[in-house]
């Protein structure tokens, strides 16, 4: 799966990179290449965490609506 990333030059130097499709998925690097490498890791960790949460929800036998 491919994701669009947004790289921005940071005021203090380096780059900040975000993934609009994955809220809160953000990373940074000293160079353009480093920032891209780090965001690939961040995306993998983000998706792994979501998959774990989905599995936990599937294991629940009973759902209750909050009042």
C-alpha atoms as a PDB file:
ATOM      1  CA  UNK A   1       0.000   0.000   0.000  1.00  0.00           C
ATOM      2  CA  UNK A   2       1.252   3.484  -0.816  1.00  0.00           C
ATOM      3  CA  UNK A   3       0.678   6.613   1.246  1.00  0.00           C
ATOM      4  CA  UNK A   4       1.146  10.249   0.366  1.00  0.00           C
ATOM      5  CA  UNK A   5       3.579  11.971   2.721  1.00  0.00           C
ATOM      6  CA  UNK A   6       4.128  15.677   3.278  1.00  0.00           C
ATOM      7  CA  UNK A   7       7.692  16.860   3.901  1.00  0.00           C
ATOM      8  CA  UNK A   8       8.317  20.305   5.318  1.00  0.00           C
ATOM      9  CA  UNK A   9      11.606  21.966   6.066  1.00  0.00           C
ATOM     10  CA  UNK A  10      11.879  22.574   9.797  1.00  0.00           C
ATOM     11  CA  UNK A  11      12.931  26.039  11.008  1.00  0.00           C
ATOM     12  CA  UNK A  12      15.717  24.516  13.109  1.00  0.00           C
ATOM     13  CA  UNK A  13      16.937  22.444  10.150  1.00  0.00           C
ATOM     14  CA  UNK A  14      16.027  19.045   8.831  1.00  0.00           C
ATOM     15  CA  UNK A  15      12.594  17.910   7.756  1.00  0.00           C
ATOM     16  CA  UNK A  16       9.287  17.053   9.374  1.00  0.00           C
ATOM     17  CA  UNK A  17       7.168  14.496   7.563  1.00  0.00           C
ATOM     18  CA  UNK A  18       3.510  13.595   8.095  1.00  0.00           C
ATOM     19  CA  UNK A  19       1.042  11.145   6.552  1.00  0.00           C
ATOM     20  CA  UNK A  20      -2.349  12.835   6.017  1.00  0.00           C
ATOM     21  CA  UNK A  21      -4.180   9.503   5.762  1.00  0.00           C
ATOM     22  CA  UNK A  22      -2.805   8.376   9.149  1.00  0.00           C
ATOM     23  CA  UNK A  23      -3.597  11.034  11.786  1.00  0.00           C
ATOM     24  CA  UNK A  24      -0.751  11.447  14.247  1.00  0.00           C
ATOM     25  CA  UNK A  25       1.775   9.586  12.087  1.00  0.00           C
ATOM     26  CA  UNK A  26       4.721  11.981  12.057  1.00  0.00           C
ATOM     27  CA  UNK A  27       8.477  11.764  11.951  1.00  0.00           C
ATOM     28  CA  UNK A  28      11.513  13.916  11.241  1.00  0.00           C
ATOM     29  CA  UNK A  29      15.011  13.603   9.935  1.00  0.00           C
ATOM     30  CA  UNK A  30      18.140  15.671   9.440  1.00  0.00           C
ATOM     31  CA  UNK A  31      17.988  15.119   5.668  1.00  0.00           C
ATOM     32  CA  UNK A  32      15.264  14.503   3.091  1.00  0.00           C
ATOM     33  CA  UNK A  33      16.360  10.871   2.728  1.00  0.00           C
ATOM     34  CA  UNK A  34      16.545  10.280   6.483  1.00  0.00           C
ATOM     35  CA  UNK A  35      13.067  11.759   6.975  1.00  0.00           C
ATOM     36  CA  UNK A  36      11.662   9.414   4.309  1.00  0.00           C
ATOM     37  CA  UNK A  37      13.360   6.395   5.877  1.00  0.00           C
ATOM     38  CA  UNK A  38      12.013   7.283   9.319  1.00  0.00           C
ATOM     39  CA  UNK A  39       8.454   7.832   8.112  1.00  0.00           C
ATOM     40  CA  UNK A  40       8.454   4.379   6.503  1.00  0.00           C
ATOM     41  CA  UNK A  41       9.211   2.925   9.935  1.00  0.00           C
ATOM     42  CA  UNK A  42       6.574   5.150  11.547  1.00  0.00           C
ATOM     43  CA  UNK A  43       3.941   3.991   9.028  1.00  0.00           C
ATOM     44  CA  UNK A  44       4.750   0.332   9.703  1.00  0.00           C
ATOM     45  CA  UNK A  45       4.475   0.851  13.478  1.00  0.00           C
ATOM     46  CA  UNK A  46       1.241   2.824  13.110  1.00  0.00           C
ATOM     47  CA  UNK A  47      -0.375   0.103  10.982  1.00  0.00           C
ATOM     48  CA  UNK A  48       0.844  -2.633  13.331  1.00  0.00           C
ATOM     49  CA  UNK A  49      -0.761  -0.822  16.284  1.00  0.00           C
ATOM     50  CA  UNK A  50      -4.061  -0.446  14.421  1.00  0.00           C
ATOM     51  CA  UNK A  51      -4.042  -4.128  13.460  1.00  0.00           C
ATOM     52  CA  UNK A  52      -3.495  -5.065  17.111  1.00  0.00           C
ATOM     53  CA  UNK A  53      -6.422  -2.883  18.206  1.00  0.00           C
ATOM     54  CA  UNK A  54      -8.677  -4.456  15.569  1.00  0.00           C
ATOM     55  CA  UNK A  55      -7.768  -7.936  16.807  1.00  0.00           C
ATOM     56  CA  UNK A  56      -8.565  -6.938  20.393  1.00  0.00           C
ATOM     57  CA  UNK A  57     -11.955  -5.598  19.291  1.00  0.00           C
ATOM     58  CA  UNK A  58     -12.713  -8.815  17.420  1.00  0.00           C
ATOM     59  CA  UNK A  59     -11.997 -10.817  20.572  1.00  0.00           C
ATOM     60  CA  UNK A  60     -14.577  -8.936  22.588  1.00  0.00           C
ATOM     61  CA  UNK A  61     -17.775 -10.932  22.750  1.00  0.00           C
ATOM     62  CA  UNK A  62     -20.020  -8.177  23.962  1.00  0.00           C
ATOM     63  CA  UNK A  63     -20.226  -4.558  22.952  1.00  0.00           C
ATOM     64  CA  UNK A  64     -22.018  -1.913  24.993  1.00  0.00           C
ATOM     65  CA  UNK A  65     -22.965   1.548  23.895  1.00  0.00           C
ATOM     66  CA  UNK A  66     -21.823   4.349  26.152  1.00  0.00           C
ATOM     67  CA  UNK A  67     -24.687   6.251  27.726  1.00  0.00           C
END
